Amino acid sequence: MKLAALRLFVHDLATARRFYESMLGLRLQVDGAARGFCTFDLSGVTLVVESVAPEANEDEQSLVGRFTGVSFAVADIQIAWRQLQAGGVYFSGAPERQAWGGWLATFEDPAGNQLQIVQNPA
């Protein structure tokens, strides 16, 4: 098996698209805003950002604004953290060294979804 796609859920698709495209620098693949989604290319994996309507049921609403488990690999976490922070990305704290030897820093998209940047050990 091969990972094909990751799905994130938001309330405001236009704001999310600007965040992922402009602030994180991801390449827009498909603008399906009329159908409630957009996709970004993550080097062979597709990031699908989907809109959850205000009138959606509680189960669907709970998909927005949570820890996603999604991590973006960076070569130098300190540089990436400073650059993203300077660009307006909100981080819950500075990068932290992990017991397994790498570094992690958690940030939020405009919908409150928590994602991470990771620097793997050398």
PDB file of N, CA and C in Angstrom:
ATOM      1  N   MET A   1       0.821  -1.183   0.000  1.00  0.00           N
ATOM      2  CA  MET A   1       0.000   0.000   0.000  1.00  0.00           C
ATOM      3  C   MET A   1       0.865   1.247   0.000  1.00  0.00           C
ATOM      4  N   LYS A   2       0.281   2.299  -0.521  1.00  0.00           N
ATOM      5  CA  LYS A   2       0.962   3.589  -0.573  1.00  0.00           C
ATOM      6  C   LYS A   2      -0.029   4.653  -0.122  1.00  0.00           C
ATOM      7  N   LEU A   3       0.434   5.560   0.737  1.00  0.00           N
ATOM      8  CA  LEU A   3      -0.422   6.652   1.187  1.00  0.00           C
ATOM      9  C   LEU A   3      -0.767   7.527  -0.011  1.00  0.00           C
ATOM     10  N   ALA A   4      -2.065   7.779  -0.208  1.00  0.00           N
ATOM     11  CA  ALA A   4      -2.518   8.561  -1.354  1.00  0.00           C
ATOM     12  C   ALA A   4      -2.940   9.969  -0.965  1.00  0.00           C
ATOM     13  N   ALA A   5      -3.628  10.097   0.188  1.00  0.00           N
ATOM     14  CA  ALA A   5      -4.178  11.406   0.540  1.00  0.00           C
ATOM     15  C   ALA A   5      -4.340  11.550   2.043  1.00  0.00           C
ATOM     16  N   LEU A   6      -4.310  12.804   2.483  1.00  0.00           N
ATOM     17  CA  LEU A   6      -4.625  13.199   3.856  1.00  0.00           C
ATOM     18  C   LEU A   6      -5.783  14.169   3.755  1.00  0.00           C
ATOM     19  N   ARG A   7      -6.746  14.061   4.666  1.00  0.00           N
ATOM     20  CA  ARG A   7      -7.908  14.950   4.635  1.00  0.00           C
ATOM     21  C   ARG A   7      -7.973  15.776   5.905  1.00  0.00           C
ATOM     22  N   LEU A   8      -8.157  17.081   5.723  1.00  0.00           N
ATOM     23  CA  LEU A   8      -8.345  18.013   6.824  1.00  0.00           C
ATOM     24  C   LEU A   8      -9.669  18.721   6.618  1.00  0.00           C
ATOM     25  N   PHE A   9     -10.327  19.066   7.702  1.00  0.00           N
ATOM     26  CA  PHE A   9     -11.658  19.647   7.628  1.00  0.00           C
ATOM     27  C   PHE A   9     -11.659  21.041   8.241  1.00  0.00           C
ATOM     28  N   VAL A  10     -12.346  21.964   7.565  1.00  0.00           N
ATOM     29  CA  VAL A  10     -12.364  23.366   7.962  1.00  0.00           C
ATOM     30  C   VAL A  10     -13.778  23.921   7.811  1.00  0.00           C
ATOM     31  N   HIS A  11     -14.021  25.082   8.407  1.00  0.00           N
ATOM     32  CA  HIS A  11     -15.295  25.766   8.209  1.00  0.00           C
ATOM     33  C   HIS A  11     -15.208  26.776   7.070  1.00  0.00           C
ATOM     34  N   ASP A  12     -14.073  27.438   6.923  1.00  0.00           N
ATOM     35  CA  ASP A  12     -13.903  28.498   5.933  1.00  0.00           C
ATOM     36  C   ASP A  12     -12.856  28.051   4.911  1.00  0.00           C
ATOM     37  N   LEU A  13     -13.318  27.534   3.797  1.00  0.00           N
ATOM     38  CA  LEU A  13     -12.422  26.969   2.790  1.00  0.00           C
ATOM     39  C   LEU A  13     -11.510  28.024   2.166  1.00  0.00           C
ATOM     40  N   ALA A  14     -12.027  29.212   1.895  1.00  0.00           N
ATOM     41  CA  ALA A  14     -11.210  30.261   1.269  1.00  0.00           C
ATOM     42  C   ALA A  14     -10.040  30.655   2.170  1.00  0.00           C
ATOM     43  N   THR A  15     -10.309  30.803   3.461  1.00  0.00           N
ATOM     44  CA  THR A  15      -9.246  31.150   4.412  1.00  0.00           C
ATOM     45  C   THR A  15      -8.228  30.025   4.511  1.00  0.00           C
ATOM     46  N   ALA A  16      -8.712  28.792   4.545  1.00  0.00           N
ATOM     47  CA  ALA A  16      -7.816  27.635   4.615  1.00  0.00           C
ATOM     48  C   ALA A  16      -6.942  27.552   3.370  1.00  0.00           C
ATOM     49  N   ARG A  17      -7.547  27.771   2.215  1.00  0.00           N
ATOM     50  CA  ARG A  17      -6.771  27.718   0.974  1.00  0.00           C
ATOM     51  C   ARG A  17      -5.645  28.746   1.005  1.00  0.00           C
ATOM     52  N   ARG A  18      -5.942  29.984   1.407  1.00  0.00           N
ATOM     53  CA  ARG A  18      -4.896  31.023   1.488  1.00  0.00           C
ATOM     54  C   ARG A  18      -3.792  30.604   2.453  1.00  0.00           C
ATOM     55  N   PHE A  19      -4.175  30.024   3.599  1.00  0.00           N
ATOM     56  CA  PHE A  19      -3.190  29.596   4.592  1.00  0.00           C
ATOM     57  C   PHE A  19      -2.248  28.540   4.014  1.00  0.00           C
ATOM     58  N   TYR A  20      -2.810  27.475   3.453  1.00  0.00           N
ATOM     59  CA  TYR A  20      -1.975  26.381   2.958  1.00  0.00           C
ATOM     60  C   TYR A  20      -1.164  26.781   1.734  1.00  0.00           C
ATOM     61  N   GLU A  21      -1.730  27.626   0.903  1.00  0.00           N
ATOM     62  CA  GLU A  21      -1.037  28.045  -0.315  1.00  0.00           C
ATOM     63  C   GLU A  21      -0.029  29.158  -0.029  1.00  0.00           C
ATOM     64  N   SER A  22      -0.455  30.215   0.627  1.00  0.00           N
ATOM     65  CA  SER A  22       0.406  31.383   0.816  1.00  0.00           C
ATOM     66  C   SER A  22       1.322  31.275   2.024  1.00  0.00           C
ATOM     67  N   MET A  23       0.787  30.847   3.150  1.00  0.00           N
ATOM     68  CA  MET A  23       1.606  30.828   4.369  1.00  0.00           C
ATOM     69  C   MET A  23       2.501  29.598   4.446  1.00  0.00           C
ATOM     70  N   LEU A  24       1.999  28.436   4.005  1.00  0.00           N
ATOM     71  CA  LEU A  24       2.840  27.232   4.048  1.00  0.00           C
ATOM     72  C   LEU A  24       3.560  26.971   2.733  1.00  0.00           C
ATOM     73  N   GLY A  25       3.125  27.636   1.668  1.00  0.00           N
ATOM     74  CA  GLY A  25       3.805  27.482   0.381  1.00  0.00           C
ATOM     75  C   GLY A  25       3.485  26.201  -0.363  1.00  0.00           C
ATOM     76  N   LEU A  26       2.330  25.584  -0.082  1.00  0.00           N
ATOM     77  CA  LEU A  26       1.952  24.355  -0.783  1.00  0.00           C
ATOM     78  C   LEU A  26       1.366  24.696  -2.147  1.00  0.00           C
ATOM     79  N   ARG A  27       1.585  23.803  -3.110  1.00  0.00           N
ATOM     80  CA  ARG A  27       1.094  24.025  -4.479  1.00  0.00           C
ATOM     81  C   ARG A  27      -0.336  23.523  -4.613  1.00  0.00           C
ATOM     82  N   LEU A  28      -1.239  24.453  -4.986  1.00  0.00           N
ATOM     83  CA  LEU A  28      -2.634  24.097  -5.211  1.00  0.00           C
ATOM     84  C   LEU A  28      -2.728  23.169  -6.404  1.00  0.00           C
ATOM     85  N   GLN A  29      -3.421  22.062  -6.217  1.00  0.00           N
ATOM     86  CA  GLN A  29      -3.599  21.077  -7.277  1.00  0.00           C
ATOM     87  C   GLN A  29      -4.964  21.260  -7.928  1.00  0.00           C
ATOM     88  N   VAL A  30      -6.011  21.260  -7.102  1.00  0.00           N
ATOM     89  CA  VAL A  30      -7.386  21.379  -7.593  1.00  0.00           C
ATOM     90  C   VAL A  30      -8.125  22.392  -6.734  1.00  0.00           C
ATOM     91  N   ASP A  31      -8.765  23.351  -7.398  1.00  0.00           N
ATOM     92  CA  ASP A  31      -9.627  24.294  -6.702  1.00  0.00           C
ATOM     93  C   ASP A  31     -11.065  23.835  -6.914  1.00  0.00           C
ATOM     94  N   GLY A  32     -11.550  23.058  -5.973  1.00  0.00           N
ATOM     95  CA  GLY A  32     -12.922  22.552  -6.054  1.00  0.00           C
ATOM     96  C   GLY A  32     -13.838  23.303  -5.101  1.00  0.00           C
ATOM     97  N   ALA A  33     -13.583  24.597  -4.925  1.00  0.00           N
ATOM     98  CA  ALA A  33     -14.333  25.403  -3.953  1.00  0.00           C
ATOM     99  C   ALA A  33     -15.835  25.305  -4.175  1.00  0.00           C
ATOM    100  N   ALA A  34     -16.267  25.239  -5.422  1.00  0.00           N
ATOM    101  CA  ALA A  34     -17.696  25.145  -5.711  1.00  0.00           C
ATOM    102  C   ALA A  34     -18.291  23.841  -5.164  1.00  0.00           C
ATOM    103  N   ARG A  35     -17.434  22.857  -4.966  1.00  0.00           N
ATOM    104  CA  ARG A  35     -17.879  21.563  -4.423  1.00  0.00           C
ATOM    105  C   ARG A  35     -17.395  21.341  -2.990  1.00  0.00           C
ATOM    106  N   GLY A  36     -16.790  22.386  -2.372  1.00  0.00           N
ATOM    107  CA  GLY A  36     -16.421  22.326  -0.965  1.00  0.00           C
ATOM    108  C   GLY A  36     -15.078  21.725  -0.634  1.00  0.00           C
ATOM    109  N   PHE A  37     -14.138  21.760  -1.574  1.00  0.00           N
ATOM    110  CA  PHE A  37     -12.814  21.217  -1.272  1.00  0.00           C
ATOM    111  C   PHE A  37     -11.755  21.875  -2.141  1.00  0.00           C
ATOM    112  N   CYS A  38     -10.499  21.694  -1.757  1.00  0.00           N
ATOM    113  CA  CYS A  38      -9.355  22.004  -2.606  1.00  0.00           C
ATOM    114  C   CYS A  38      -8.271  20.996  -2.249  1.00  0.00           C
ATOM    115  N   THR A  39      -7.342  20.787  -3.172  1.00  0.00           N
ATOM    116  CA  THR A  39      -6.266  19.838  -2.913  1.00  0.00           C
ATOM    117  C   THR A  39      -4.916  20.494  -3.180  1.00  0.00           C
ATOM    118  N   PHE A  40      -3.916  19.980  -2.461  1.00  0.00           N
ATOM    119  CA  PHE A  40      -2.545  20.455  -2.587  1.00  0.00           C
ATOM    120  C   PHE A  40      -1.640  19.257  -2.803  1.00  0.00           C
ATOM    121  N   ASP A  41      -0.579  19.458  -3.579  1.00  0.00           N
ATOM    122  CA  ASP A  41       0.389  18.404  -3.861  1.00  0.00           C
ATOM    123  C   ASP A  41       1.460  18.387  -2.779  1.00  0.00           C
ATOM    124  N   LEU A  42       1.619  17.234  -2.141  1.00  0.00           N
ATOM    125  CA  LEU A  42       2.663  17.050  -1.126  1.00  0.00           C
ATOM    126  C   LEU A  42       3.660  15.994  -1.611  1.00  0.00           C
ATOM    127  N   SER A  43       4.215  16.205  -2.786  1.00  0.00           N
ATOM    128  CA  SER A  43       5.217  15.290  -3.349  1.00  0.00           C
ATOM    129  C   SER A  43       4.711  13.852  -3.412  1.00  0.00           C
ATOM    130  N   GLY A  44       3.614  13.656  -4.096  1.00  0.00           N
ATOM    131  CA  GLY A  44       3.093  12.313  -4.287  1.00  0.00           C
ATOM    132  C   GLY A  44       1.930  11.961  -3.377  1.00  0.00           C
ATOM    133  N   VAL A  45       1.697  12.737  -2.358  1.00  0.00           N
ATOM    134  CA  VAL A  45       0.538  12.566  -1.473  1.00  0.00           C
ATOM    135  C   VAL A  45      -0.325  13.808  -1.644  1.00  0.00           C
ATOM    136  N   THR A  46      -1.629  13.633  -1.700  1.00  0.00           N
ATOM    137  CA  THR A  46      -2.535  14.757  -1.873  1.00  0.00           C
ATOM    138  C   THR A  46      -3.101  15.184  -0.529  1.00  0.00           C
ATOM    139  N   LEU A  47      -3.005  16.469  -0.238  1.00  0.00           N
ATOM    140  CA  LEU A  47      -3.661  17.030   0.938  1.00  0.00           C
ATOM    141  C   LEU A  47      -5.012  17.557   0.472  1.00  0.00           C
ATOM    142  N   VAL A  48      -6.084  16.994   1.003  1.00  0.00           N
ATOM    143  CA  VAL A  48      -7.440  17.400   0.660  1.00  0.00           C
ATOM    144  C   VAL A  48      -7.970  18.235   1.824  1.00  0.00           C
ATOM    145  N   VAL A  49      -8.356  19.461   1.546  1.00  0.00           N
ATOM    146  CA  VAL A  49      -8.943  20.335   2.555  1.00  0.00           C
ATOM    147  C   VAL A  49     -10.423  20.448   2.206  1.00  0.00           C
ATOM    148  N   GLU A  50     -11.271  20.008   3.131  1.00  0.00           N
ATOM    149  CA  GLU A  50     -12.709  19.951   2.875  1.00  0.00           C
ATOM    150  C   GLU A  50     -13.472  20.861   3.823  1.00  0.00           C
ATOM    151  N   SER A  51     -14.506  21.467   3.289  1.00  0.00           N
ATOM    152  CA  SER A  51     -15.349  22.356   4.065  1.00  0.00           C
ATOM    153  C   SER A  51     -16.455  21.569   4.777  1.00  0.00           C
ATOM    154  N   VAL A  52     -16.666  21.894   6.045  1.00  0.00           N
ATOM    155  CA  VAL A  52     -17.775  21.340   6.817  1.00  0.00           C
ATOM    156  C   VAL A  52     -18.791  22.464   6.977  1.00  0.00           C
ATOM    157  N   ALA A  53     -19.994  22.235   6.513  1.00  0.00           N
ATOM    158  CA  ALA A  53     -21.045  23.254   6.535  1.00  0.00           C
ATOM    159  C   ALA A  53     -21.492  23.547   7.966  1.00  0.00           C
ATOM    160  N   PRO A  54     -21.885  24.792   8.231  1.00  0.00           N
ATOM    161  CA  PRO A  54     -22.350  25.163   9.574  1.00  0.00           C
ATOM    162  C   PRO A  54     -23.514  24.306  10.066  1.00  0.00           C
ATOM    163  N   GLU A  55     -24.349  23.832   9.146  1.00  0.00           N
ATOM    164  CA  GLU A  55     -25.502  23.020   9.536  1.00  0.00           C
ATOM    165  C   GLU A  55     -25.203  21.521   9.593  1.00  0.00           C
ATOM    166  N   ALA A  56     -23.938  21.145   9.380  1.00  0.00           N
ATOM    167  CA  ALA A  56     -23.557  19.723   9.428  1.00  0.00           C
ATOM    168  C   ALA A  56     -23.777  19.174  10.836  1.00  0.00           C
ATOM    169  N   ASN A  57     -23.949  17.864  10.900  1.00  0.00           N
ATOM    170  CA  ASN A  57     -24.202  17.235  12.205  1.00  0.00           C
ATOM    171  C   ASN A  57     -22.969  17.298  13.111  1.00  0.00           C
ATOM    172  N   GLU A  58     -23.173  16.957  14.368  1.00  0.00           N
ATOM    173  CA  GLU A  58     -22.124  17.063  15.384  1.00  0.00           C
ATOM    174  C   GLU A  58     -20.901  16.216  15.054  1.00  0.00           C
ATOM    175  N   ASP A  59     -21.111  15.039  14.494  1.00  0.00           N
ATOM    176  CA  ASP A  59     -19.976  14.181  14.132  1.00  0.00           C
ATOM    177  C   ASP A  59     -19.076  14.856  13.102  1.00  0.00           C
ATOM    178  N   GLU A  60     -19.683  15.504  12.116  1.00  0.00           N
ATOM    179  CA  GLU A  60     -18.894  16.206  11.108  1.00  0.00           C
ATOM    180  C   GLU A  60     -18.230  17.449  11.696  1.00  0.00           C
ATOM    181  N   GLN A  61     -18.936  18.172  12.548  1.00  0.00           N
ATOM    182  CA  GLN A  61     -18.365  19.365  13.182  1.00  0.00           C
ATOM    183  C   GLN A  61     -17.130  19.016  14.000  1.00  0.00           C
ATOM    184  N   SER A  62     -17.134  17.843  14.611  1.00  0.00           N
ATOM    185  CA  SER A  62     -16.010  17.444  15.467  1.00  0.00           C
ATOM    186  C   SER A  62     -14.733  17.168  14.677  1.00  0.00           C
ATOM    187  N   LEU A  63     -14.830  17.106  13.360  1.00  0.00           N
ATOM    188  CA  LEU A  63     -13.651  16.888  12.523  1.00  0.00           C
ATOM    189  C   LEU A  63     -12.807  18.151  12.373  1.00  0.00           C
ATOM    190  N   VAL A  64     -13.369  19.301  12.715  1.00  0.00           N
ATOM    191  CA  VAL A  64     -12.695  20.594  12.557  1.00  0.00           C
ATOM    192  C   VAL A  64     -12.048  21.004  13.876  1.00  0.00           C
ATOM    193  N   GLY A  65     -10.801  21.488  13.798  1.00  0.00           N
ATOM    194  CA  GLY A  65     -10.154  22.052  14.982  1.00  0.00           C
ATOM    195  C   GLY A  65      -9.634  21.028  15.960  1.00  0.00           C
ATOM    196  N   ARG A  66      -8.908  20.045  15.470  1.00  0.00           N
ATOM    197  CA  ARG A  66      -8.380  19.002  16.357  1.00  0.00           C
ATOM    198  C   ARG A  66      -6.946  18.640  15.956  1.00  0.00           C
ATOM    199  N   PHE A  67      -6.306  17.850  16.789  1.00  0.00           N
ATOM    200  CA  PHE A  67      -4.970  17.356  16.450  1.00  0.00           C
ATOM    201  C   PHE A  67      -5.120  16.412  15.266  1.00  0.00           C
ATOM    202  N   THR A  68      -4.304  16.627  14.225  1.00  0.00           N
ATOM    203  CA  THR A  68      -4.447  15.845  12.995  1.00  0.00           C
ATOM    204  C   THR A  68      -3.464  14.689  12.880  1.00  0.00           C
ATOM    205  N   GLY A  69      -2.333  14.794  13.577  1.00  0.00           N
ATOM    206  CA  GLY A  69      -1.292  13.790  13.406  1.00  0.00           C
ATOM    207  C   GLY A  69      -0.464  14.001  12.143  1.00  0.00           C
ATOM    208  N   VAL A  70      -0.687  15.117  11.445  1.00  0.00           N
ATOM    209  CA  VAL A  70       0.036  15.414  10.206  1.00  0.00           C
ATOM    210  C   VAL A  70       1.301  16.202  10.542  1.00  0.00           C
ATOM    211  N   SER A  71       2.433  15.715  10.029  1.00  0.00           N
ATOM    212  CA  SER A  71       3.722  16.377  10.248  1.00  0.00           C
ATOM    213  C   SER A  71       4.384  16.658   8.909  1.00  0.00           C
ATOM    214  N   PHE A  72       4.923  17.876   8.765  1.00  0.00           N
ATOM    215  CA  PHE A  72       5.654  18.271   7.577  1.00  0.00           C
ATOM    216  C   PHE A  72       7.143  18.241   7.907  1.00  0.00           C
ATOM    217  N   ALA A  73       7.921  17.464   7.150  1.00  0.00           N
ATOM    218  CA  ALA A  73       9.357  17.355   7.387  1.00  0.00           C
ATOM    219  C   ALA A  73      10.067  18.606   6.892  1.00  0.00           C
ATOM    220  N   VAL A  74      10.981  19.111   7.707  1.00  0.00           N
ATOM    221  CA  VAL A  74      11.815  20.259   7.351  1.00  0.00           C
ATOM    222  C   VAL A  74      13.271  19.909   7.634  1.00  0.00           C
ATOM    223  N   ALA A  75      14.168  20.543   6.891  1.00  0.00           N
ATOM    224  CA  ALA A  75      15.594  20.263   7.073  1.00  0.00           C
ATOM    225  C   ALA A  75      16.130  20.877   8.359  1.00  0.00           C
ATOM    226  N   ASP A  76      15.689  22.089   8.674  1.00  0.00           N
ATOM    227  CA  ASP A  76      16.147  22.790   9.873  1.00  0.00           C
ATOM    228  C   ASP A  76      14.930  23.380  10.567  1.00  0.00           C
ATOM    229  N   ILE A  77      14.520  22.774  11.649  1.00  0.00           N
ATOM    230  CA  ILE A  77      13.278  23.171  12.311  1.00  0.00           C
ATOM    231  C   ILE A  77      13.341  24.577  12.896  1.00  0.00           C
ATOM    232  N   GLN A  78      14.510  24.990  13.366  1.00  0.00           N
ATOM    233  CA  GLN A  78      14.628  26.326  13.943  1.00  0.00           C
ATOM    234  C   GLN A  78      14.382  27.399  12.873  1.00  0.00           C
ATOM    235  N   ILE A  79      14.962  27.210  11.702  1.00  0.00           N
ATOM    236  CA  ILE A  79      14.769  28.163  10.605  1.00  0.00           C
ATOM    237  C   ILE A  79      13.321  28.144  10.140  1.00  0.00           C
ATOM    238  N   ALA A  80      12.764  26.953   9.919  1.00  0.00           N
ATOM    239  CA  ALA A  80      11.370  26.843   9.462  1.00  0.00           C
ATOM    240  C   ALA A  80      10.417  27.454  10.479  1.00  0.00           C
ATOM    241  N   TRP A  81      10.638  27.195  11.751  1.00  0.00           N
ATOM    242  CA  TRP A  81       9.789  27.738  12.818  1.00  0.00           C
ATOM    243  C   TRP A  81       9.818  29.264  12.811  1.00  0.00           C
ATOM    244  N   ARG A  82      11.023  29.830  12.726  1.00  0.00           N
ATOM    245  CA  ARG A  82      11.144  31.297  12.702  1.00  0.00           C
ATOM    246  C   ARG A  82      10.477  31.894  11.469  1.00  0.00           C
ATOM    247  N   GLN A  83      10.681  31.279  10.303  1.00  0.00           N
ATOM    248  CA  GLN A  83      10.097  31.798   9.064  1.00  0.00           C
ATOM    249  C   GLN A  83       8.568  31.716   9.088  1.00  0.00           C
ATOM    250  N   LEU A  84       8.039  30.586   9.516  1.00  0.00           N
ATOM    251  CA  LEU A  84       6.586  30.427   9.562  1.00  0.00           C
ATOM    252  C   LEU A  84       5.964  31.361  10.590  1.00  0.00           C
ATOM    253  N   GLN A  85       6.612  31.475  11.741  1.00  0.00           N
ATOM    254  CA  GLN A  85       6.115  32.391  12.769  1.00  0.00           C
ATOM    255  C   GLN A  85       6.118  33.830  12.260  1.00  0.00           C
ATOM    256  N   ALA A  86       7.190  34.223  11.593  1.00  0.00           N
ATOM    257  CA  ALA A  86       7.287  35.573  11.048  1.00  0.00           C
ATOM    258  C   ALA A  86       6.200  35.819   9.999  1.00  0.00           C
ATOM    259  N   GLY A  87       5.773  34.758   9.315  1.00  0.00           N
ATOM    260  CA  GLY A  87       4.717  34.866   8.312  1.00  0.00           C
ATOM    261  C   GLY A  87       3.321  34.834   8.892  1.00  0.00           C
ATOM    262  N   GLY A  88       3.228  34.697  10.222  1.00  0.00           N
ATOM    263  CA  GLY A  88       1.918  34.740  10.865  1.00  0.00           C
ATOM    264  C   GLY A  88       1.352  33.401  11.295  1.00  0.00           C
ATOM    265  N   VAL A  89       2.115  32.323  11.149  1.00  0.00           N
ATOM    266  CA  VAL A  89       1.632  31.007  11.588  1.00  0.00           C
ATOM    267  C   VAL A  89       1.730  30.933  13.103  1.00  0.00           C
ATOM    268  N   TYR A  90       0.643  30.506  13.757  1.00  0.00           N
ATOM    269  CA  TYR A  90       0.613  30.399  15.216  1.00  0.00           C
ATOM    270  C   TYR A  90       1.152  29.038  15.652  1.00  0.00           C
ATOM    271  N   PHE A  91       2.182  29.066  16.503  1.00  0.00           N
ATOM    272  CA  PHE A  91       2.746  27.859  17.111  1.00  0.00           C
ATOM    273  C   PHE A  91       2.394  27.851  18.593  1.00  0.00           C
ATOM    274  N   SER A  92       2.132  26.671  19.132  1.00  0.00           N
ATOM    275  CA  SER A  92       1.816  26.563  20.560  1.00  0.00           C
ATOM    276  C   SER A  92       3.061  26.648  21.424  1.00  0.00           C
ATOM    277  N   GLY A  93       4.224  26.556  20.821  1.00  0.00           N
ATOM    278  CA  GLY A  93       5.481  26.659  21.556  1.00  0.00           C
ATOM    279  C   GLY A  93       6.658  26.511  20.610  1.00  0.00           C
ATOM    280  N   ALA A  94       7.824  26.665  21.162  1.00  0.00           N
ATOM    281  CA  ALA A  94       9.060  26.519  20.381  1.00  0.00           C
ATOM    282  C   ALA A  94       9.297  25.044  20.050  1.00  0.00           C
ATOM    283  N   PRO A  95      10.120  24.762  19.058  1.00  0.00           N
ATOM    284  CA  PRO A  95      10.460  23.372  18.752  1.00  0.00           C
ATOM    285  C   PRO A  95      11.064  22.684  19.979  1.00  0.00           C
ATOM    286  N   GLU A  96      10.698  21.426  20.152  1.00  0.00           N
ATOM    287  CA  GLU A  96      11.197  20.647  21.287  1.00  0.00           C
ATOM    288  C   GLU A  96      11.867  19.375  20.799  1.00  0.00           C
ATOM    289  N   ARG A  97      12.999  19.087  21.429  1.00  0.00           N
ATOM    290  CA  ARG A  97      13.705  17.839  21.129  1.00  0.00           C
ATOM    291  C   ARG A  97      12.898  16.679  21.682  1.00  0.00           C
ATOM    292  N   GLN A  98      12.805  15.613  20.898  1.00  0.00           N
ATOM    293  CA  GLN A  98      12.031  14.440  21.272  1.00  0.00           C
ATOM    294  C   GLN A  98      12.959  13.313  21.750  1.00  0.00           C
ATOM    295  N   ALA A  99      12.423  12.405  22.528  1.00  0.00           N
ATOM    296  CA  ALA A  99      13.200  11.285  23.063  1.00  0.00           C
ATOM    297  C   ALA A  99      13.811  10.437  21.953  1.00  0.00           C
ATOM    298  N   TRP A 100      13.188  10.413  20.782  1.00  0.00           N
ATOM    299  CA  TRP A 100      13.683   9.607  19.666  1.00  0.00           C
ATOM    300  C   TRP A 100      14.758  10.332  18.852  1.00  0.00           C
ATOM    301  N   GLY A 101      15.119  11.562  19.275  1.00  0.00           N
ATOM    302  CA  GLY A 101      16.234  12.266  18.660  1.00  0.00           C
ATOM    303  C   GLY A 101      15.865  13.372  17.686  1.00  0.00           C
ATOM    304  N   GLY A 102      14.625  13.434  17.275  1.00  0.00           N
ATOM    305  CA  GLY A 102      14.202  14.487  16.358  1.00  0.00           C
ATOM    306  C   GLY A 102      13.633  15.684  17.099  1.00  0.00           C
ATOM    307  N   TRP A 103      13.084  16.624  16.333  1.00  0.00           N
ATOM    308  CA  TRP A 103      12.489  17.836  16.879  1.00  0.00           C
ATOM    309  C   TRP A 103      11.077  17.993  16.341  1.00  0.00           C
ATOM    310  N   LEU A 104      10.162  18.516  17.164  1.00  0.00           N
ATOM    311  CA  LEU A 104       8.782  18.785  16.753  1.00  0.00           C
ATOM    312  C   LEU A 104       8.356  20.171  17.217  1.00  0.00           C
ATOM    313  N   ALA A 105       7.491  20.811  16.414  1.00  0.00           N
ATOM    314  CA  ALA A 105       6.824  22.049  16.810  1.00  0.00           C
ATOM    315  C   ALA A 105       5.404  21.987  16.254  1.00  0.00           C
ATOM    316  N   THR A 106       4.435  22.309  17.087  1.00  0.00           N
ATOM    317  CA  THR A 106       3.025  22.211  16.713  1.00  0.00           C
ATOM    318  C   THR A 106       2.475  23.589  16.357  1.00  0.00           C
ATOM    319  N   PHE A 107       1.752  23.649  15.235  1.00  0.00           N
ATOM    320  CA  PHE A 107       1.112  24.895  14.803  1.00  0.00           C
ATOM    321  C   PHE A 107      -0.344  24.633  14.471  1.00  0.00           C
ATOM    322  N   GLU A 108      -1.085  25.723  14.282  1.00  0.00           N
ATOM    323  CA  GLU A 108      -2.511  25.608  13.958  1.00  0.00           C
ATOM    324  C   GLU A 108      -2.818  26.299  12.641  1.00  0.00           C
ATOM    325  N   ASP A 109      -3.754  25.693  11.903  1.00  0.00           N
ATOM    326  CA  ASP A 109      -4.292  26.386  10.732  1.00  0.00           C
ATOM    327  C   ASP A 109      -5.430  27.290  11.203  1.00  0.00           C
ATOM    328  N   PRO A 110      -6.018  28.092  10.332  1.00  0.00           N
ATOM    329  CA  PRO A 110      -7.064  29.018  10.764  1.00  0.00           C
ATOM    330  C   PRO A 110      -8.301  28.347  11.370  1.00  0.00           C
ATOM    331  N   ALA A 111      -8.519  27.067  11.086  1.00  0.00           N
ATOM    332  CA  ALA A 111      -9.666  26.340  11.636  1.00  0.00           C
ATOM    333  C   ALA A 111      -9.353  25.732  13.002  1.00  0.00           C
ATOM    334  N   GLY A 112      -8.106  25.883  13.459  1.00  0.00           N
ATOM    335  CA  GLY A 112      -7.708  25.308  14.736  1.00  0.00           C
ATOM    336  C   GLY A 112      -7.184  23.888  14.630  1.00  0.00           C
ATOM    337  N   ASN A 113      -7.018  23.374  13.409  1.00  0.00           N
ATOM    338  CA  ASN A 113      -6.417  22.049  13.233  1.00  0.00           C
ATOM    339  C   ASN A 113      -4.948  22.138  13.617  1.00  0.00           C
ATOM    340  N   GLN A 114      -4.503  21.194  14.428  1.00  0.00           N
ATOM    341  CA  GLN A 114      -3.115  21.193  14.874  1.00  0.00           C
ATOM    342  C   GLN A 114      -2.294  20.267  13.977  1.00  0.00           C
ATOM    343  N   LEU A 115      -1.201  20.834  13.467  1.00  0.00           N
ATOM    344  CA  LEU A 115      -0.265  20.114  12.616  1.00  0.00           C
ATOM    345  C   LEU A 115       1.126  20.332  13.183  1.00  0.00           C
ATOM    346  N   GLN A 116       2.110  19.666  12.624  1.00  0.00           N
ATOM    347  CA  GLN A 116       3.462  19.814  13.143  1.00  0.00           C
ATOM    348  C   GLN A 116       4.481  19.949  12.022  1.00  0.00           C
ATOM    349  N   ILE A 117       5.590  20.592  12.369  1.00  0.00           N
ATOM    350  CA  ILE A 117       6.783  20.472  11.556  1.00  0.00           C
ATOM    351  C   ILE A 117       7.722  19.572  12.337  1.00  0.00           C
ATOM    352  N   VAL A 118       8.482  18.776  11.611  1.00  0.00           N
ATOM    353  CA  VAL A 118       9.367  17.802  12.247  1.00  0.00           C
ATOM    354  C   VAL A 118      10.722  17.838  11.566  1.00  0.00           C
ATOM    355  N   GLN A 119      11.757  17.756  12.383  1.00  0.00           N
ATOM    356  CA  GLN A 119      13.117  17.573  11.883  1.00  0.00           C
ATOM    357  C   GLN A 119      13.567  16.223  12.400  1.00  0.00           C
ATOM    358  N   ASN A 120      13.800  15.302  11.470  1.00  0.00           N
ATOM    359  CA  ASN A 120      14.218  13.960  11.853  1.00  0.00           C
ATOM    360  C   ASN A 120      15.694  13.970  12.266  1.00  0.00           C
ATOM    361  N   PRO A 121      16.080  13.008  13.100  1.00  0.00           N
ATOM    362  CA  PRO A 121      17.492  12.963  13.520  1.00  0.00           C
ATOM    363  C   PRO A 121      18.404  12.720  12.324  1.00  0.00           C
ATOM    364  N   ALA A 122      19.626  13.234  12.435  1.00  0.00           N
ATOM    365  CA  ALA A 122      20.596  13.086  11.331  1.00  0.00           C
ATOM    366  C   ALA A 122      20.978  11.647  11.136  1.00  0.00           C
TER     367      ALA A 122
END
